[in-house]
C-alpha atoms as a PDB file:
ATOM      1  CA  UNK A   1     -12.117  14.878  20.961  1.00  0.00           C
ATOM      2  CA  UNK A   2     -10.770  11.154  20.779  1.00  0.00           C
ATOM      3  CA  UNK A   3     -10.242   9.046  18.138  1.00  0.00           C
ATOM      4  CA  UNK A   4     -11.708   5.536  17.008  1.00  0.00           C
ATOM      5  CA  UNK A   5      -9.860   3.891  14.780  1.00  0.00           C
ATOM      6  CA  UNK A   6     -11.151   0.667  12.930  1.00  0.00           C
ATOM      7  CA  UNK A   7      -8.248  -1.145  10.933  1.00  0.00           C
ATOM      8  CA  UNK A   8      -8.185  -3.570   8.341  1.00  0.00           C
ATOM      9  CA  UNK A   9      -5.243  -6.541   9.316  1.00  0.00           C
ATOM     10  CA  UNK A  10      -3.810  -8.114   6.085  1.00  0.00           C
ATOM     11  CA  UNK A  11      -2.331  -4.584   3.952  1.00  0.00           C
ATOM     12  CA  UNK A  12      -3.327  -2.491   6.405  1.00  0.00           C
ATOM     13  CA  UNK A  13      -1.029  -3.596   9.605  1.00  0.00           C
ATOM     14  CA  UNK A  14       0.599  -6.962   8.508  1.00  0.00           C
ATOM     15  CA  UNK A  15       2.016  -8.044   5.602  1.00  0.00           C
ATOM     16  CA  UNK A  16       0.648 -11.674   5.149  1.00  0.00           C
ATOM     17  CA  UNK A  17       1.107 -12.748   1.435  1.00  0.00           C
ATOM     18  CA  UNK A  18       4.163 -15.062   2.054  1.00  0.00           C
ATOM     19  CA  UNK A  19       2.682 -16.748   4.452  1.00  0.00           C
ATOM     20  CA  UNK A  20      -0.844 -16.470   2.974  1.00  0.00           C
ATOM     21  CA  UNK A  21       0.687 -18.282  -0.503  1.00  0.00           C
ATOM     22  CA  UNK A  22       2.757 -20.960   0.969  1.00  0.00           C
ATOM     23  CA  UNK A  23      -0.556 -21.702   2.799  1.00  0.00           C
ATOM     24  CA  UNK A  24      -2.914 -21.561  -0.283  1.00  0.00           C
ATOM     25  CA  UNK A  25      -0.043 -23.650  -2.263  1.00  0.00           C
ATOM     26  CA  UNK A  26      -0.160 -26.468   0.798  1.00  0.00           C
ATOM     27  CA  UNK A  27      -4.358 -25.908   0.726  1.00  0.00           C
ATOM     28  CA  UNK A  28      -4.650 -26.387  -3.073  1.00  0.00           C
ATOM     29  CA  UNK A  29      -2.194 -29.745  -3.224  1.00  0.00           C
ATOM     30  CA  UNK A  30      -4.559 -31.474  -0.549  1.00  0.00           C
ATOM     31  CA  UNK A  31      -7.836 -30.039  -2.354  1.00  0.00           C
ATOM     32  CA  UNK A  32      -6.652 -30.990  -5.732  1.00  0.00           C
ATOM     33  CA  UNK A  33      -3.828 -33.386  -5.460  1.00  0.00           C
ATOM     34  CA  UNK A  34      -4.020 -35.222  -8.939  1.00  0.00           C
ATOM     35  CA  UNK A  35      -4.053 -31.268 -10.431  1.00  0.00           C
ATOM     36  CA  UNK A  36      -1.034 -30.488  -8.662  1.00  0.00           C
ATOM     37  CA  UNK A  37       1.059 -34.062  -8.860  1.00  0.00           C
ATOM     38  CA  UNK A  38       3.734 -33.691 -10.664  1.00  0.00           C
ATOM     39  CA  UNK A  39       4.062 -30.148 -10.626  1.00  0.00           C
ATOM     40  CA  UNK A  40       7.684 -29.023  -9.941  1.00  0.00           C
ATOM     41  CA  UNK A  41       9.194 -26.741  -7.586  1.00  0.00           C
ATOM     42  CA  UNK A  42      10.140 -24.510 -10.231  1.00  0.00           C
ATOM     43  CA  UNK A  43       6.330 -23.995 -11.248  1.00  0.00           C
ATOM     44  CA  UNK A  44       5.608 -23.654  -7.525  1.00  0.00           C
ATOM     45  CA  UNK A  45       8.007 -20.464  -7.204  1.00  0.00           C
ATOM     46  CA  UNK A  46       6.392 -19.357 -10.434  1.00  0.00           C
ATOM     47  CA  UNK A  47       2.997 -19.506  -8.610  1.00  0.00           C
ATOM     48  CA  UNK A  48       4.327 -18.265  -5.249  1.00  0.00           C
ATOM     49  CA  UNK A  49       5.895 -15.085  -7.489  1.00  0.00           C
ATOM     50  CA  UNK A  50       2.678 -14.520  -9.292  1.00  0.00           C
ATOM     51  CA  UNK A  51       0.518 -14.490  -5.839  1.00  0.00           C
ATOM     52  CA  UNK A  52       1.949 -11.138  -5.263  1.00  0.00           C
ATOM     53  CA  UNK A  53       1.315  -9.751  -8.195  1.00  0.00           C
ATOM     54  CA  UNK A  54      -2.845 -10.856  -7.959  1.00  0.00           C
ATOM     55  CA  UNK A  55      -2.791 -10.576  -4.330  1.00  0.00           C
ATOM     56  CA  UNK A  56      -5.054  -7.030  -4.268  1.00  0.00           C
ATOM     57  CA  UNK A  57      -7.463  -8.968  -5.849  1.00  0.00           C
ATOM     58  CA  UNK A  58      -8.628 -11.080  -2.528  1.00  0.00           C
ATOM     59  CA  UNK A  59     -11.127  -9.943  -0.097  1.00  0.00           C
ATOM     60  CA  UNK A  60     -11.181 -13.639   1.766  1.00  0.00           C
ATOM     61  CA  UNK A  61      -8.567 -15.759   2.613  1.00  0.00           C
ATOM     62  CA  UNK A  62      -9.947 -18.940   0.432  1.00  0.00           C
ATOM     63  CA  UNK A  63      -9.795 -17.475  -3.099  1.00  0.00           C
ATOM     64  CA  UNK A  64      -5.816 -17.400  -2.456  1.00  0.00           C
ATOM     65  CA  UNK A  65      -6.545 -20.949  -3.500  1.00  0.00           C
ATOM     66  CA  UNK A  66      -8.813 -20.594  -6.499  1.00  0.00           C
ATOM     67  CA  UNK A  67      -5.806 -18.109  -8.005  1.00  0.00           C
ATOM     68  CA  UNK A  68      -3.538 -20.545  -7.240  1.00  0.00           C
ATOM     69  CA  UNK A  69      -5.105 -23.350  -8.851  1.00  0.00           C
ATOM     70  CA  UNK A  70      -6.283 -20.376 -11.863  1.00  0.00           C
ATOM     71  CA  UNK A  71      -2.407 -19.203 -12.135  1.00  0.00           C
ATOM     72  CA  UNK A  72      -1.807 -23.223 -12.900  1.00  0.00           C
ATOM     73  CA  UNK A  73      -4.027 -23.879 -15.366  1.00  0.00           C
ATOM     74  CA  UNK A  74      -3.018 -20.458 -17.243  1.00  0.00           C
ATOM     75  CA  UNK A  75       0.683 -21.964 -17.320  1.00  0.00           C
ATOM     76  CA  UNK A  76      -0.564 -26.006 -17.941  1.00  0.00           C
ATOM     77  CA  UNK A  77      -2.671 -26.288 -20.839  1.00  0.00           C
ATOM     78  CA  UNK A  78      -3.213 -30.088 -20.223  1.00  0.00           C
ATOM     79  CA  UNK A  79      -4.536 -30.020 -16.699  1.00  0.00           C
ATOM     80  CA  UNK A  80      -7.144 -27.049 -17.715  1.00  0.00           C
ATOM     81  CA  UNK A  81     -10.796 -27.570 -16.505  1.00  0.00           C
ATOM     82  CA  UNK A  82     -12.074 -23.860 -16.303  1.00  0.00           C
ATOM     83  CA  UNK A  83     -12.926 -21.965 -19.549  1.00  0.00           C
ATOM     84  CA  UNK A  84     -11.321 -18.356 -18.641  1.00  0.00           C
ATOM     85  CA  UNK A  85      -7.596 -19.917 -18.075  1.00  0.00           C
ATOM     86  CA  UNK A  86      -6.531 -19.646 -22.088  1.00  0.00           C
ATOM     87  CA  UNK A  87      -4.723 -16.447 -22.858  1.00  0.00           C
ATOM     88  CA  UNK A  88      -5.380 -14.975 -19.234  1.00  0.00           C
ATOM     89  CA  UNK A  89      -2.799 -13.168 -18.043  1.00  0.00           C
ATOM     90  CA  UNK A  90      -2.187 -11.495 -14.321  1.00  0.00           C
ATOM     91  CA  UNK A  91      -3.245  -7.887 -15.931  1.00  0.00           C
ATOM     92  CA  UNK A  92      -6.504  -9.815 -17.034  1.00  0.00           C
ATOM     93  CA  UNK A  93      -7.017 -11.181 -13.333  1.00  0.00           C
ATOM     94  CA  UNK A  94      -6.654  -7.871 -11.444  1.00  0.00           C
ATOM     95  CA  UNK A  95      -8.936  -6.447 -14.020  1.00  0.00           C
ATOM     96  CA  UNK A  96     -11.617  -9.081 -13.916  1.00  0.00           C
ATOM     97  CA  UNK A  97     -11.484 -11.033 -10.930  1.00  0.00           C
ATOM     98  CA  UNK A  98     -14.845 -10.222  -9.683  1.00  0.00           C
ATOM     99  CA  UNK A  99     -16.380 -11.742 -12.730  1.00  0.00           C
ATOM    100  CA  UNK A 100     -13.836 -14.377 -12.824  1.00  0.00           C
ATOM    101  CA  UNK A 101     -14.481 -15.711  -9.743  1.00  0.00           C
ATOM    102  CA  UNK A 102     -17.998 -17.213  -9.893  1.00  0.00           C
ATOM    103  CA  UNK A 103     -17.334 -18.589 -12.993  1.00  0.00           C
ATOM    104  CA  UNK A 104     -13.816 -20.901 -11.915  1.00  0.00           C
ATOM    105  CA  UNK A 105     -16.339 -22.130  -8.458  1.00  0.00           C
ATOM    106  CA  UNK A 106     -18.762 -23.287 -10.724  1.00  0.00           C
ATOM    107  CA  UNK A 107     -16.552 -25.117 -13.252  1.00  0.00           C
ATOM    108  CA  UNK A 108     -14.558 -26.310 -10.456  1.00  0.00           C
ATOM    109  CA  UNK A 109     -17.891 -27.223  -8.501  1.00  0.00           C
ATOM    110  CA  UNK A 110     -16.001 -25.622  -5.625  1.00  0.00           C
ATOM    111  CA  UNK A 111     -17.962 -24.747  -1.860  1.00  0.00           C
ATOM    112  CA  UNK A 112     -16.995 -21.505   0.036  1.00  0.00           C
ATOM    113  CA  UNK A 113     -17.544 -22.733   3.361  1.00  0.00           C
ATOM    114  CA  UNK A 114     -15.083 -26.029   2.354  1.00  0.00           C
ATOM    115  CA  UNK A 115     -12.254 -24.001   1.339  1.00  0.00           C
ATOM    116  CA  UNK A 116     -12.505 -21.569   3.780  1.00  0.00           C
ATOM    117  CA  UNK A 117     -12.862 -24.742   6.274  1.00  0.00           C
ATOM    118  CA  UNK A 118      -9.911 -26.315   4.888  1.00  0.00           C
ATOM    119  CA  UNK A 119      -7.488 -23.185   4.528  1.00  0.00           C
ATOM    120  CA  UNK A 120      -8.297 -22.287   8.241  1.00  0.00           C
ATOM    121  CA  UNK A 121      -6.983 -26.219   9.013  1.00  0.00           C
ATOM    122  CA  UNK A 122      -4.172 -25.810   6.944  1.00  0.00           C
ATOM    123  CA  UNK A 123      -2.922 -22.459   8.675  1.00  0.00           C
ATOM    124  CA  UNK A 124      -3.547 -24.436  12.223  1.00  0.00           C
ATOM    125  CA  UNK A 125      -1.639 -27.573  11.191  1.00  0.00           C
ATOM    126  CA  UNK A 126       1.440 -24.947   9.986  1.00  0.00           C
ATOM    127  CA  UNK A 127       1.453 -22.624  13.625  1.00  0.00           C
ATOM    128  CA  UNK A 128       1.071 -26.008  15.656  1.00  0.00           C
ATOM    129  CA  UNK A 129       4.328 -28.030  13.873  1.00  0.00           C
ATOM    130  CA  UNK A 130       6.042 -24.681  13.283  1.00  0.00           C
ATOM    131  CA  UNK A 131       4.658 -21.987  14.934  1.00  0.00           C
ATOM    132  CA  UNK A 132       8.228 -19.789  14.812  1.00  0.00           C
ATOM    133  CA  UNK A 133       8.039 -20.765  10.520  1.00  0.00           C
ATOM    134  CA  UNK A 134       4.186 -19.706  10.476  1.00  0.00           C
ATOM    135  CA  UNK A 135       5.036 -16.350  12.259  1.00  0.00           C
ATOM    136  CA  UNK A 136       7.931 -15.702  10.091  1.00  0.00           C
ATOM    137  CA  UNK A 137       6.380 -15.798   7.379  1.00  0.00           C
ATOM    138  CA  UNK A 138       4.440 -12.768   7.984  1.00  0.00           C
ATOM    139  CA  UNK A 139       5.604  -9.105   8.470  1.00  0.00           C
ATOM    140  CA  UNK A 140       4.371  -6.055  10.075  1.00  0.00           C
ATOM    141  CA  UNK A 141       4.678  -2.730   7.883  1.00  0.00           C
ATOM    142  CA  UNK A 142       7.197  -0.830   9.320  1.00  0.00           C
ATOM    143  CA  UNK A 143       6.709   1.601  12.559  1.00  0.00           C
ATOM    144  CA  UNK A 144       2.952  -0.084  12.727  1.00  0.00           C
ATOM    145  CA  UNK A 145       4.084  -1.863  16.155  1.00  0.00           C
ATOM    146  CA  UNK A 146       5.113   1.132  17.613  1.00  0.00           C
ATOM    147  CA  UNK A 147       2.059   2.950  16.674  1.00  0.00           C
ATOM    148  CA  UNK A 148      -0.324   0.184  17.950  1.00  0.00           C
ATOM    149  CA  UNK A 149       1.547  -0.069  21.136  1.00  0.00           C
ATOM    150  CA  UNK A 150       1.507   3.629  21.608  1.00  0.00           C
ATOM    151  CA  UNK A 151      -1.888   4.303  20.909  1.00  0.00           C
ATOM    152  CA  UNK A 152      -3.704   7.034  22.382  1.00  0.00           C
ATOM    153  CA  UNK A 153      -7.147   6.063  20.515  1.00  0.00           C
ATOM    154  CA  UNK A 154      -9.477   3.239  20.734  1.00  0.00           C
ATOM    155  CA  UNK A 155      -8.134   0.790  18.587  1.00  0.00           C
ATOM    156  CA  UNK A 156     -10.467  -1.974  16.754  1.00  0.00           C
ATOM    157  CA  UNK A 157      -9.649  -4.592  14.280  1.00  0.00           C
ATOM    158  CA  UNK A 158     -12.123  -5.065  11.543  1.00  0.00           C
ATOM    159  CA  UNK A 159     -10.812  -7.800   8.784  1.00  0.00           C
ATOM    160  CA  UNK A 160     -11.823 -11.047   6.876  1.00  0.00           C
ATOM    161  CA  UNK A 161      -8.830 -12.844   8.423  1.00  0.00           C
ATOM    162  CA  UNK A 162     -10.014 -15.581  11.065  1.00  0.00           C
ATOM    163  CA  UNK A 163      -9.242 -13.853  14.609  1.00  0.00           C
ATOM    164  CA  UNK A 164      -7.174 -16.106  15.889  1.00  0.00           C
ATOM    165  CA  UNK A 165      -4.643 -15.452  12.780  1.00  0.00           C
ATOM    166  CA  UNK A 166      -4.551 -12.080  13.593  1.00  0.00           C
ATOM    167  CA  UNK A 167      -4.563 -12.245  17.706  1.00  0.00           C
ATOM    168  CA  UNK A 168      -1.739 -14.412  16.964  1.00  0.00           C
ATOM    169  CA  UNK A 169       0.411 -12.041  15.175  1.00  0.00           C
ATOM    170  CA  UNK A 170      -0.552  -8.733  17.029  1.00  0.00           C
ATOM    171  CA  UNK A 171       0.988 -11.270  20.094  1.00  0.00           C
ATOM    172  CA  UNK A 172       3.632 -12.076  18.329  1.00  0.00           C
ATOM    173  CA  UNK A 173       5.438  -9.794  16.215  1.00  0.00           C
ATOM    174  CA  UNK A 174       3.859  -6.146  17.781  1.00  0.00           C
ATOM    175  CA  UNK A 175       4.033  -7.363  21.325  1.00  0.00           C
ATOM    176  CA  UNK A 176       0.503  -6.579  21.637  1.00  0.00           C
ATOM    177  CA  UNK A 177      -3.081  -7.533  22.722  1.00  0.00           C
ATOM    178  CA  UNK A 178      -6.100  -6.621  21.560  1.00  0.00           C
ATOM    179  CA  UNK A 179      -8.702  -8.074  24.011  1.00  0.00           C
ATOM    180  CA  UNK A 180     -11.202 -10.170  21.453  1.00  0.00           C
ATOM    181  CA  UNK A 181     -14.282  -8.351  21.841  1.00  0.00           C
ATOM    182  CA  UNK A 182     -12.054  -5.373  20.061  1.00  0.00           C
ATOM    183  CA  UNK A 183     -11.276  -8.019  16.640  1.00  0.00           C
ATOM    184  CA  UNK A 184     -14.007  -8.691  14.326  1.00  0.00           C
ATOM    185  CA  UNK A 185     -12.630 -11.358  12.175  1.00  0.00           C
ATOM    186  CA  UNK A 186     -13.960 -13.966   9.336  1.00  0.00           C
ATOM    187  CA  UNK A 187     -17.590 -14.399  10.464  1.00  0.00           C
ATOM    188  CA  UNK A 188     -18.643 -10.865  12.102  1.00  0.00           C
ATOM    189  CA  UNK A 189     -21.006 -10.250   9.007  1.00  0.00           C
ATOM    190  CA  UNK A 190     -19.554  -7.431   6.139  1.00  0.00           C
ATOM    191  CA  UNK A 191     -17.022  -4.558   7.520  1.00  0.00           C
ATOM    192  CA  UNK A 192     -19.993  -2.281   6.847  1.00  0.00           C
ATOM    193  CA  UNK A 193     -22.348  -3.853   9.152  1.00  0.00           C
ATOM    194  CA  UNK A 194     -19.394  -4.188  11.357  1.00  0.00           C
ATOM    195  CA  UNK A 195     -18.966  -0.066  11.436  1.00  0.00           C
ATOM    196  CA  UNK A 196     -22.521   0.859  11.914  1.00  0.00           C
ATOM    197  CA  UNK A 197     -22.028  -1.908  15.403  1.00  0.00           C
ATOM    198  CA  UNK A 198     -19.323   0.213  16.526  1.00  0.00           C
ATOM    199  CA  UNK A 199     -20.699   3.797  15.735  1.00  0.00           C
ATOM    200  CA  UNK A 200     -23.602   2.370  17.676  1.00  0.00           C
ATOM    201  CA  UNK A 201     -22.294   1.470  21.087  1.00  0.00           C
ATOM    202  CA  UNK A 202     -22.510   4.404  23.804  1.00  0.00           C
ATOM    203  CA  UNK A 203     -19.003   4.333  24.471  1.00  0.00           C
ATOM    204  CA  UNK A 204     -18.347   5.609  21.056  1.00  0.00           C
ATOM    205  CA  UNK A 205     -20.585   8.993  20.956  1.00  0.00           C
ATOM    206  CA  UNK A 206     -18.584  11.834  20.614  1.00  0.00           C
ATOM    207  CA  UNK A 207     -15.629  10.183  19.040  1.00  0.00           C
ATOM    208  CA  UNK A 208     -13.867  10.726  15.749  1.00  0.00           C
ATOM    209  CA  UNK A 209     -14.350   7.627  13.806  1.00  0.00           C
ATOM    210  CA  UNK A 210     -11.415   6.958  11.401  1.00  0.00           C
ATOM    211  CA  UNK A 211     -11.744   3.724   9.005  1.00  0.00           C
ATOM    212  CA  UNK A 212      -8.512   2.422   7.171  1.00  0.00           C
ATOM    213  CA  UNK A 213      -8.434  -0.105   4.209  1.00  0.00           C
ATOM    214  CA  UNK A 214      -6.306  -1.706   1.818  1.00  0.00           C
ATOM    215  CA  UNK A 215      -9.304  -2.382  -0.659  1.00  0.00           C
ATOM    216  CA  UNK A 216     -10.775   0.344  -2.184  1.00  0.00           C
ATOM    217  CA  UNK A 217     -13.989  -1.761  -3.169  1.00  0.00           C
ATOM    218  CA  UNK A 218     -14.548  -2.362   0.625  1.00  0.00           C
ATOM    219  CA  UNK A 219     -14.333   1.644   1.509  1.00  0.00           C
ATOM    220  CA  UNK A 220     -17.030   1.920  -2.064  1.00  0.00           C
ATOM    221  CA  UNK A 221     -19.233  -0.100  -0.275  1.00  0.00           C
ATOM    222  CA  UNK A 222     -18.839   1.861   3.024  1.00  0.00           C
ATOM    223  CA  UNK A 223     -19.628   5.234   1.185  1.00  0.00           C
ATOM    224  CA  UNK A 224     -22.889   3.535  -0.572  1.00  0.00           C
ATOM    225  CA  UNK A 225     -24.273   3.840   3.327  1.00  0.00           C
ATOM    226  CA  UNK A 226     -25.681   6.424   3.775  1.00  0.00           C
ATOM    227  CA  UNK A 227     -25.378   5.663   7.845  1.00  0.00           C
ATOM    228  CA  UNK A 228     -21.467   5.434   7.795  1.00  0.00           C
ATOM    229  CA  UNK A 229     -21.312   9.210   6.637  1.00  0.00           C
ATOM    230  CA  UNK A 230     -19.544  10.002   9.663  1.00  0.00           C
ATOM    231  CA  UNK A 231     -16.675   7.654   9.001  1.00  0.00           C
ATOM    232  CA  UNK A 232     -13.203   9.340   7.420  1.00  0.00           C
ATOM    233  CA  UNK A 233     -12.440   6.842   5.261  1.00  0.00           C
ATOM    234  CA  UNK A 234      -8.311   5.998   4.251  1.00  0.00           C
ATOM    235  CA  UNK A 235      -6.913   4.014   1.850  1.00  0.00           C
ATOM    236  CA  UNK A 236      -3.491   3.011   2.403  1.00  0.00           C
ATOM    237  CA  UNK A 237      -0.823   3.274  -0.023  1.00  0.00           C
ATOM    238  CA  UNK A 238       1.444   0.334   0.678  1.00  0.00           C
ATOM    239  CA  UNK A 239      -0.944  -2.280   1.248  1.00  0.00           C
ATOM    240  CA  UNK A 240      -2.263  -5.051  -1.177  1.00  0.00           C
ATOM    241  CA  UNK A 241      -3.687  -2.064  -3.893  1.00  0.00           C
ATOM    242  CA  UNK A 242      -2.774  -1.126  -7.738  1.00  0.00           C
ATOM    243  CA  UNK A 243      -1.455   2.497  -8.882  1.00  0.00           C
ATOM    244  CA  UNK A 244      -4.764   2.815 -10.440  1.00  0.00           C
ATOM    245  CA  UNK A 245      -7.076   2.245  -7.515  1.00  0.00           C
ATOM    246  CA  UNK A 246      -4.540   4.476  -5.459  1.00  0.00           C
ATOM    247  CA  UNK A 247      -5.463   7.270  -8.329  1.00  0.00           C
ATOM    248  CA  UNK A 248      -9.146   6.789  -8.019  1.00  0.00           C
ATOM    249  CA  UNK A 249      -9.057   7.209  -4.600  1.00  0.00           C
ATOM    250  CA  UNK A 250      -7.552  10.353  -4.620  1.00  0.00           C
ATOM    251  CA  UNK A 251      -9.850  11.895  -6.571  1.00  0.00           C
ATOM    252  CA  UNK A 252     -12.557  10.638  -4.618  1.00  0.00           C
ATOM    253  CA  UNK A 253     -13.579  13.607  -1.839  1.00  0.00           C
ATOM    254  CA  UNK A 254     -14.544  10.847   0.566  1.00  0.00           C
ATOM    255  CA  UNK A 255     -11.156   9.299   0.829  1.00  0.00           C
ATOM    256  CA  UNK A 256      -7.610  10.085   1.969  1.00  0.00           C
ATOM    257  CA  UNK A 257      -5.048   7.904   0.689  1.00  0.00           C
ATOM    258  CA  UNK A 258      -2.756   7.731   3.556  1.00  0.00           C
ATOM    259  CA  UNK A 259       1.132   7.385   3.889  1.00  0.00           C
ATOM    260  CA  UNK A 260       2.746   5.133   5.867  1.00  0.00           C
ATOM    261  CA  UNK A 261       4.535   7.334   8.329  1.00  0.00           C
ATOM    262  CA  UNK A 262       0.998   9.544   8.457  1.00  0.00           C
ATOM    263  CA  UNK A 263      -0.323   6.260   9.814  1.00  0.00           C
ATOM    264  CA  UNK A 264       1.819   5.681  12.649  1.00  0.00           C
ATOM    265  CA  UNK A 265       1.333   9.152  13.616  1.00  0.00           C
ATOM    266  CA  UNK A 266      -2.148   9.453  13.937  1.00  0.00           C
ATOM    267  CA  UNK A 267      -2.321   6.414  16.463  1.00  0.00           C
ATOM    268  CA  UNK A 268       0.036   7.962  18.406  1.00  0.00           C
END
C-alpha cells in the first residue's frame, strides 16, 4: 500500500522560532513605534528569549506580534494598555492564550488581516535585503532534509505559514522542491478542510493517510470530524508543544506521539 503524508511545517520540518521572533519584533516596532520606543537591547533579548517558551501557543504567525507586545507590557507597567498584563507569567500565557488573544486584540483595537499583512511584508523585506541572514535564522530538524529528499511516500505541506516562505526554506535548507500544488499555506482554509480535500482526490484513493503535527489542538480538531477517521494522526515530540500536551496525546487512542528518528524512517 502506498502512503500519503500531510506535514505541518513549523515545528515538524523547520525550527523557525528564531526567525519568527526576530521578524515579529521588527514588525511590532513598526506597528507600535511609540510603545517600543526606548526599549533597549536587553529587553529585546529578554522578549525574544521568552518567545521560545510561549511559541507552542502560536497557530498563525501574526500572533507572534501580539505575544511580543503582551510580554513587553508584563515587563514595563507604565505602557500597559491591556487588562490582562499585570501579574501575567509565561505559564499563564501557555495555559490561557486562547482566552487572552481576543481580549488583547479588542483592547489594542487590532485587526488580524493587517497584522498578517505586516508580518508578511517584514519577512519579504528581510528576504530581499538579507536573504542569507533570513535563511540562517531558521533551521531544519536533524534528518528531515534527507527524509524529504528520499521520501517514497507522497508528501504534502499543510501549514499556516505563507507558502512562499515554506517554499524558500525547503529549497535552501533541504534542497527540495515540492510542487506548489502540494503546498497548502496560509489562506488555503482550515487544515481539516485541506485534509478532506486531499482524501477525496482520485489519485489518493487506496493510500494510507498520515497527518503529522506539533499542535495538539489541531489534531483534536481533526478527531472531531468523523469524515477524517481514516487519517493516522501524529504529534511530534520535537516541535512547538509542551510536555503536558505530549502526555495528553500519549493517552489519546487516535494519536501517536512520534520521535524524530521514527519520522525520518517513515517517510523513506
